[in-house]
Amino acid sequence: MMPGMDGFALLKALRSEPSTGMLPVILLSARAGEEARVEGIEAGAEDYLVKPFTARELLARVTTHLEMSRLRRQTAERERDLRQDAEAARERATSAMEALRRANADLEQFAFSASHDLQEPLRMVATFSQLLQMKYGGKLDDQADIIIGHCVEGATRMGRMIRDLLEYTRAATISDGAHEIVDLNEALEAAVENLRASIEESQATVTHDSLPSVRAEQVHLQQIFQNLVSNAIKYRGREAPRVHVGAVRRNGTWEFSVKDNGIGIEPRYQDQVFGLFKRLHSASRYSGTGLGLAICRKLVERYQGQIWVESKPGEGATFFFTIQESEPA
């Protein structure tokens, strides 16, 4: 017995010290009964042995608690190693993600700069090709007319590709500005108005459900609708295009659909169509650069959404995309 301190007080003192806090302790006491045992366990004892006891019983309990203490230490060391490994893995993943982010940012900046810088020399090529066509068209032989025509067509197509590439890099650039509440009925109406000429030429019909408002930038949602409706009109079948835009709320997310009655898409191409410069048809048959759906995907991803298509050849296509539901102001 320690001077001025009983066994319970000594045990509490041992437990309060970091160097002895994990030391296994067996209380040996003449105090029998449930209250004494509970007090000893609450004080921090691993075991409570009432006198009298045999040396064999004491040795068995000491051996057992030493083994349990050893296993606890091993478990604690293993947990510490696992935490260190997990932290190191997180640091490596963070470093890799940061490196990937920088590489993507550099690539997007390069694409933007290259596209921007290419516009002026390409404009000169297109302008002089058109001047050649205007001045010498029909005055040289047929082969010359064909060559000049190819120059004009190629320059015009390259100009469209550069403009679309610029749009793609802008779509991939994350804005730090606060988003507004956008009425998607207005965004769709603006997109339809921009497509008025092609709608009238193809005698297309564009209908829509009552659409919600979401927190975003209106120009982004307008561009998504414009690209999807434009594709629906472009890839039409023999009948006049019919396009319907719908919206369904699912678990805090708005799921939008743009359904058409066009030529459809084979299942094996339904993931590829969202890639850069992916075209399923020749430029001579359908105009375009193969960037419209890639731009849509980038814009949807800005809002943590997804975009996909469901279609069968000859039965039209339905493009779906999701946007998070706006939180109440």
Protein backbone atom coordinates (compact mmCIF):
# COMPACT_ATOMS: atom_id res chain seq x y z
CA MET A 1 0.00 0.00 0.00
CA MET A 2 1.34 3.44 -0.89
CA PRO A 3 1.48 6.02 1.91
CA GLY A 4 -1.73 8.07 1.88
CA MET A 5 -3.04 6.18 -1.14
CA ASP A 6 -5.04 2.97 -1.49
CA GLY A 7 -4.91 0.60 -4.44
CA PHE A 8 -7.75 2.33 -6.31
CA ALA A 9 -6.06 5.75 -6.06
CA LEU A 10 -2.75 4.24 -7.19
CA LEU A 11 -4.47 2.66 -10.18
CA LYS A 12 -6.02 5.98 -11.20
CA ALA A 13 -2.60 7.64 -10.89
CA LEU A 14 -1.04 4.96 -13.12
CA ARG A 15 -3.75 5.42 -15.72
CA SER A 16 -3.23 9.21 -15.77
CA GLU A 17 0.45 8.89 -16.77
CA PRO A 18 1.23 8.34 -20.50
CA SER A 19 4.14 6.00 -19.66
CA THR A 20 1.98 3.66 -17.53
CA GLY A 21 -1.45 4.32 -18.97
CA MET A 22 -1.46 1.11 -21.04
CA LEU A 23 0.15 -1.09 -18.38
CA PRO A 24 -2.09 -4.09 -17.58
CA VAL A 25 -3.11 -4.07 -13.90
CA ILE A 26 -4.68 -6.79 -11.78
CA LEU A 27 -6.12 -5.61 -8.46
CA LEU A 28 -5.48 -7.99 -5.56
CA SER A 29 -7.84 -7.23 -2.70
CA ALA A 30 -9.51 -8.75 0.33
CA ARG A 31 -12.63 -6.73 -0.47
CA ALA A 32 -15.14 -9.08 -1.96
CA GLY A 33 -18.50 -8.26 -3.44
CA GLU A 34 -19.86 -6.68 -6.59
CA GLU A 35 -19.35 -3.06 -5.55
CA ALA A 36 -15.62 -3.55 -4.94
CA ARG A 37 -15.18 -5.29 -8.30
CA VAL A 38 -17.12 -2.55 -10.15
CA GLU A 39 -15.05 0.15 -8.43
CA GLY A 40 -11.83 -1.59 -9.46
CA ILE A 41 -12.87 -2.04 -13.08
CA GLU A 42 -14.07 1.57 -13.28
CA ALA A 43 -10.72 2.70 -11.88
CA GLY A 44 -9.05 1.03 -14.86
CA ALA A 45 -8.10 -2.48 -13.72
CA GLU A 46 -8.07 -5.25 -16.30
CA ASP A 47 -8.93 -7.81 -13.63
CA TYR A 48 -9.90 -8.07 -9.97
CA LEU A 49 -8.72 -10.97 -7.85
CA VAL A 50 -10.10 -11.53 -4.33
CA LYS A 51 -7.90 -12.95 -1.59
CA PRO A 52 -7.24 -15.69 -0.89
CA PHE A 53 -6.08 -16.96 -4.29
CA THR A 54 -3.57 -19.53 -5.52
CA ALA A 55 -0.31 -18.73 -7.24
CA ARG A 56 -1.46 -20.83 -10.18
CA GLU A 57 -4.61 -18.71 -10.66
CA LEU A 58 -2.60 -15.49 -10.37
CA LEU A 59 0.00 -16.70 -12.89
CA ALA A 60 -2.71 -17.72 -15.37
CA ARG A 61 -4.35 -14.31 -15.15
CA VAL A 62 -1.05 -12.45 -15.47
CA THR A 63 -0.08 -14.54 -18.52
CA THR A 64 -3.46 -13.91 -20.14
CA HIS A 65 -3.39 -10.16 -19.59
CA LEU A 66 0.18 -9.84 -20.81
CA GLU A 67 -0.80 -11.62 -24.03
CA MET A 68 -3.86 -9.39 -24.41
CA SER A 69 -1.67 -6.32 -23.82
CA ARG A 70 0.76 -7.54 -26.49
CA LEU A 71 -2.09 -8.02 -28.97
CA ARG A 72 -3.45 -4.55 -28.17
CA ARG A 73 -0.04 -3.00 -28.83
CA GLN A 74 0.28 -4.86 -32.10
CA THR A 75 -3.22 -3.73 -33.11
CA ALA A 76 -2.44 -0.12 -32.20
CA GLU A 77 0.82 -0.24 -34.17
CA ARG A 78 -0.95 -1.77 -37.13
CA GLU A 79 -3.65 0.91 -37.01
CA ARG A 80 -0.96 3.59 -36.86
CA ASP A 81 0.82 2.08 -39.86
CA LEU A 82 -2.45 1.86 -41.78
CA ARG A 83 -3.25 5.50 -40.99
CA GLN A 84 0.20 6.53 -42.16
CA ASP A 85 -0.17 4.47 -45.34
CA ALA A 86 -3.62 5.96 -45.96
CA GLU A 87 -2.31 9.49 -45.41
CA ALA A 88 0.60 8.84 -47.78
CA ALA A 89 -1.82 7.44 -50.37
CA ARG A 90 -4.05 10.51 -50.01
CA GLU A 91 -1.06 12.79 -50.47
CA ARG A 92 0.01 10.86 -53.58
CA ALA A 93 -3.54 10.98 -54.96
CA THR A 94 -3.81 14.69 -54.21
CA SER A 95 -0.47 15.32 -55.89
CA ALA A 96 -1.48 13.26 -58.92
CA MET A 97 -4.84 15.06 -59.17
CA GLU A 98 -3.13 18.42 -58.93
CA ALA A 99 -0.65 17.41 -61.63
CA LEU A 100 -3.54 16.23 -63.81
CA ARG A 101 -5.43 19.45 -63.16
CA ARG A 102 -2.41 21.51 -64.17
CA ALA A 103 -1.87 19.37 -67.28
CA ASN A 104 -5.51 19.76 -68.29
CA ALA A 105 -5.39 23.50 -67.63
CA ASP A 106 -2.22 23.80 -69.71
CA LEU A 107 -3.77 21.73 -72.49
CA GLU A 108 -6.94 23.81 -72.47
CA GLN A 109 -4.91 27.02 -72.49
CA PHE A 110 -2.83 25.70 -75.38
CA ALA A 111 -5.96 24.74 -77.31
CA PHE A 112 -7.47 28.15 -76.65
CA SER A 113 -4.32 30.02 -77.63
CA ALA A 114 -3.72 27.87 -80.69
CA SER A 115 -7.31 28.24 -81.84
CA HIS A 116 -7.26 31.97 -81.26
CA ASP A 117 -3.93 32.49 -83.01
CA LEU A 118 -4.95 30.33 -85.98
CA GLN A 119 -8.00 32.42 -86.78
CA GLU A 120 -6.17 35.33 -88.40
CA PRO A 121 -3.96 33.35 -90.86
CA LEU A 122 -6.91 31.10 -91.65
CA ARG A 123 -9.07 34.14 -92.31
CA MET A 124 -6.46 35.33 -94.80
CA VAL A 125 -6.45 31.93 -96.54
CA ALA A 126 -10.24 31.93 -96.74
CA THR A 127 -10.39 35.52 -97.96
CA PHE A 128 -7.80 35.08 -100.72
CA SER A 129 -9.35 31.76 -101.77
CA GLN A 130 -12.71 33.46 -102.13
CA LEU A 131 -11.10 36.30 -104.08
CA LEU A 132 -9.54 33.74 -106.43
CA GLN A 133 -12.91 32.07 -106.85
CA MET A 134 -14.65 35.39 -107.55
CA LYS A 135 -12.00 36.66 -110.00
CA TYR A 136 -11.01 33.50 -111.84
CA GLY A 137 -14.03 31.24 -111.38
CA GLY A 138 -15.03 29.95 -114.82
CA LYS A 139 -12.08 31.66 -116.51
CA LEU A 140 -9.57 28.85 -115.98
CA ASP A 141 -10.03 25.18 -116.73
CA ASP A 142 -12.39 22.92 -114.77
CA GLN A 143 -9.57 21.48 -112.69
CA ALA A 144 -8.61 24.95 -111.46
CA ASP A 145 -12.20 25.66 -110.45
CA ILE A 146 -12.29 22.40 -108.48
CA ILE A 147 -9.03 23.19 -106.70
CA ILE A 148 -10.15 26.71 -105.79
CA GLY A 149 -13.48 25.31 -104.58
CA HIS A 150 -11.68 22.84 -102.33
CA CYS A 151 -9.57 25.67 -100.90
CA VAL A 152 -12.63 27.75 -100.06
CA GLU A 153 -14.52 24.78 -98.62
CA GLY A 154 -11.54 23.60 -96.58
CA ALA A 155 -10.85 27.05 -95.15
CA THR A 156 -14.52 27.51 -94.26
CA ARG A 157 -14.69 24.11 -92.56
CA MET A 158 -11.45 24.76 -90.66
CA GLY A 159 -12.85 28.10 -89.50
CA ARG A 160 -15.89 26.34 -88.07
CA MET A 161 -13.66 23.81 -86.32
CA ILE A 162 -11.54 26.54 -84.75
CA ARG A 163 -14.62 28.42 -83.53
CA ASP A 164 -16.04 25.22 -82.05
CA LEU A 165 -12.69 24.41 -80.44
CA LEU A 166 -12.71 27.83 -78.81
CA GLU A 167 -16.23 27.15 -77.54
CA TYR A 168 -15.05 23.81 -76.18
CA THR A 169 -12.13 25.33 -74.27
CA ARG A 170 -14.44 28.00 -72.85
CA ALA A 171 -16.84 25.27 -71.75
CA ALA A 172 -13.97 23.44 -70.04
CA THR A 173 -12.91 26.54 -68.11
CA ILE A 174 -14.46 26.68 -64.64
CA SER A 175 -15.97 30.06 -63.80
CA ASP A 176 -15.53 31.50 -60.32
CA GLY A 177 -18.58 33.71 -60.70
CA ALA A 178 -21.79 33.11 -58.77
CA HIS A 179 -24.50 31.38 -60.79
CA GLU A 180 -27.95 32.87 -61.23
CA ILE A 181 -31.34 31.21 -61.12
CA VAL A 182 -32.06 30.51 -64.79
CA ASP A 183 -35.53 29.85 -66.21
CA LEU A 184 -34.90 27.02 -68.67
CA ASN A 185 -38.05 27.86 -70.60
CA GLU A 186 -36.37 31.14 -71.55
CA ALA A 187 -33.04 29.41 -72.28
CA LEU A 188 -34.77 26.95 -74.63
CA GLU A 189 -36.78 29.72 -76.33
CA ALA A 190 -33.56 31.66 -77.00
CA ALA A 191 -31.94 28.53 -78.46
CA VAL A 192 -34.97 27.88 -80.69
CA GLU A 193 -34.92 31.49 -81.87
CA ASN A 194 -31.25 31.12 -82.88
CA LEU A 195 -32.23 28.04 -84.89
CA ARG A 196 -35.26 29.69 -86.50
CA ALA A 197 -33.88 29.49 -90.06
CA SER A 198 -33.08 25.77 -89.93
CA ILE A 199 -36.39 25.03 -88.15
CA GLU A 200 -38.37 26.75 -90.89
CA GLU A 201 -36.28 25.23 -93.68
CA SER A 202 -36.77 21.69 -92.36
CA GLN A 203 -40.37 22.34 -91.21
CA ALA A 204 -39.36 21.10 -87.77
CA THR A 205 -41.63 21.18 -84.73
CA VAL A 206 -40.07 21.87 -81.32
CA THR A 207 -42.23 21.35 -78.23
CA HIS A 208 -41.43 21.22 -74.55
CA ASP A 209 -42.84 20.52 -71.11
CA SER A 210 -42.91 23.23 -68.48
CA LEU A 211 -39.23 23.46 -67.56
CA PRO A 212 -37.83 24.33 -64.11
CA SER A 213 -35.36 26.97 -63.03
CA VAL A 214 -31.85 25.95 -61.97
CA ARG A 215 -28.77 27.74 -60.66
CA ALA A 216 -26.41 28.08 -63.62
CA GLU A 217 -25.31 30.48 -66.35
CA GLN A 218 -28.06 30.99 -68.93
CA VAL A 219 -25.67 30.99 -71.88
CA HIS A 220 -24.50 27.49 -70.93
CA LEU A 221 -27.98 25.98 -70.77
CA GLN A 222 -28.95 27.81 -73.95
CA GLN A 223 -25.92 26.35 -75.73
CA ILE A 224 -26.73 22.81 -74.54
CA PHE A 225 -30.30 23.07 -75.83
CA GLN A 226 -29.16 24.71 -79.07
CA ASN A 227 -26.62 21.98 -79.83
CA LEU A 228 -29.03 19.15 -79.03
CA VAL A 229 -31.98 20.61 -80.95
CA SER A 230 -29.69 21.50 -83.87
CA ASN A 231 -28.45 17.89 -84.00
CA ALA A 232 -32.04 16.63 -83.91
CA ILE A 233 -32.85 18.78 -86.95
CA LYS A 234 -29.64 17.99 -88.79
CA TYR A 235 -29.85 14.21 -88.43
CA ARG A 236 -33.48 13.96 -89.47
CA GLY A 237 -35.15 11.16 -91.36
CA ARG A 238 -37.64 11.40 -94.19
CA GLU A 239 -40.33 12.94 -92.02
CA ALA A 240 -40.24 16.53 -90.81
CA PRO A 241 -38.26 16.71 -87.56
CA ARG A 242 -40.22 16.53 -84.32
CA VAL A 243 -38.27 17.50 -81.20
CA HIS A 244 -39.61 17.40 -77.66
CA VAL A 245 -37.79 18.67 -74.55
CA GLY A 246 -38.88 17.18 -71.23
CA ALA A 247 -37.87 17.42 -67.58
CA VAL A 248 -38.29 15.02 -64.65
CA ARG A 249 -37.16 15.52 -61.05
CA ARG A 250 -35.27 12.55 -59.56
CA ASN A 251 -33.85 12.63 -56.01
CA GLY A 252 -32.85 16.29 -55.93
CA THR A 253 -31.70 16.30 -59.56
CA TRP A 254 -33.43 17.48 -62.71
CA GLU A 255 -33.20 15.04 -65.61
CA PHE A 256 -33.78 16.68 -68.98
CA SER A 257 -34.48 14.89 -72.25
CA VAL A 258 -34.34 16.00 -75.87
CA LYS A 259 -36.20 13.45 -78.01
CA ASP A 260 -36.33 13.39 -81.81
CA ASN A 261 -37.64 11.22 -84.64
CA GLY A 262 -34.41 11.25 -86.64
CA ILE A 263 -32.13 8.60 -88.06
CA GLY A 264 -30.95 7.37 -84.65
CA ILE A 265 -27.55 6.14 -83.46
CA GLU A 266 -26.23 2.60 -83.32
CA PRO A 267 -25.61 1.40 -79.73
CA ARG A 268 -21.86 0.89 -80.31
CA TYR A 269 -21.43 4.60 -81.09
CA GLN A 270 -23.52 6.03 -78.26
CA ASP A 271 -20.51 6.71 -76.00
CA GLN A 272 -18.22 7.84 -78.82
CA VAL A 273 -20.47 10.66 -80.00
CA PHE A 274 -19.46 12.81 -77.01
CA GLY A 275 -15.75 12.70 -77.90
CA LEU A 276 -13.76 15.48 -79.54
CA PHE A 277 -14.16 15.65 -83.33
CA LYS A 278 -16.23 12.45 -83.33
CA ARG A 279 -18.30 12.19 -86.49
CA LEU A 280 -20.39 9.21 -87.57
CA HIS A 281 -21.03 10.59 -91.05
CA SER A 282 -18.96 12.31 -93.71
CA ALA A 283 -18.81 16.10 -93.89
CA SER A 284 -20.26 15.96 -97.39
CA ARG A 285 -23.43 14.35 -96.05
CA TYR A 286 -23.86 16.25 -92.77
CA SER A 287 -22.10 19.51 -91.98
CA GLY A 288 -20.44 20.13 -88.65
CA THR A 289 -17.16 19.69 -86.80
CA GLY A 290 -17.93 16.86 -84.36
CA LEU A 291 -17.56 19.17 -81.34
CA GLY A 292 -21.18 20.01 -80.49
CA LEU A 293 -21.82 17.06 -78.18
CA ALA A 294 -18.34 17.33 -76.64
CA ILE A 295 -19.20 20.93 -75.73
CA CYS A 296 -22.51 19.76 -74.25
CA ARG A 297 -20.71 17.20 -72.12
CA LYS A 298 -18.20 19.76 -70.81
CA LEU A 299 -20.96 22.21 -69.96
CA VAL A 300 -23.03 19.58 -68.16
CA GLU A 301 -19.97 18.40 -66.22
CA ARG A 302 -19.41 21.97 -64.99
CA TYR A 303 -22.58 21.49 -62.95
CA GLN A 304 -21.66 17.98 -61.74
CA GLY A 305 -24.19 16.51 -64.14
CA GLN A 306 -24.16 13.63 -66.61
CA ILE A 307 -25.16 13.36 -70.26
CA TRP A 308 -25.97 10.27 -72.29
CA VAL A 309 -28.06 9.09 -75.24
CA GLU A 310 -30.52 6.26 -75.82
CA SER A 311 -31.30 5.38 -79.42
CA LYS A 312 -31.91 2.76 -82.05
CA PRO A 313 -31.12 3.22 -85.75
CA GLY A 314 -34.16 4.48 -87.60
CA GLU A 315 -36.14 5.14 -84.41
CA GLY A 316 -34.82 8.53 -83.36
CA ALA A 317 -32.68 9.41 -80.36
CA THR A 318 -33.23 10.78 -76.87
CA PHE A 319 -30.42 12.74 -75.24
CA PHE A 320 -30.55 13.02 -71.46
CA PHE A 321 -28.63 15.32 -69.15
CA THR A 322 -28.86 16.12 -65.45
CA ILE A 323 -28.50 19.34 -63.46
CA GLN A 324 -28.69 19.64 -59.67
CA GLU A 325 -31.94 21.08 -58.35
CA SER A 326 -31.56 24.68 -57.17
CA GLU A 327 -31.45 25.21 -53.42
CA PRO A 328 -34.01 27.66 -52.00
CA ALA A 329 -32.67 31.19 -51.75
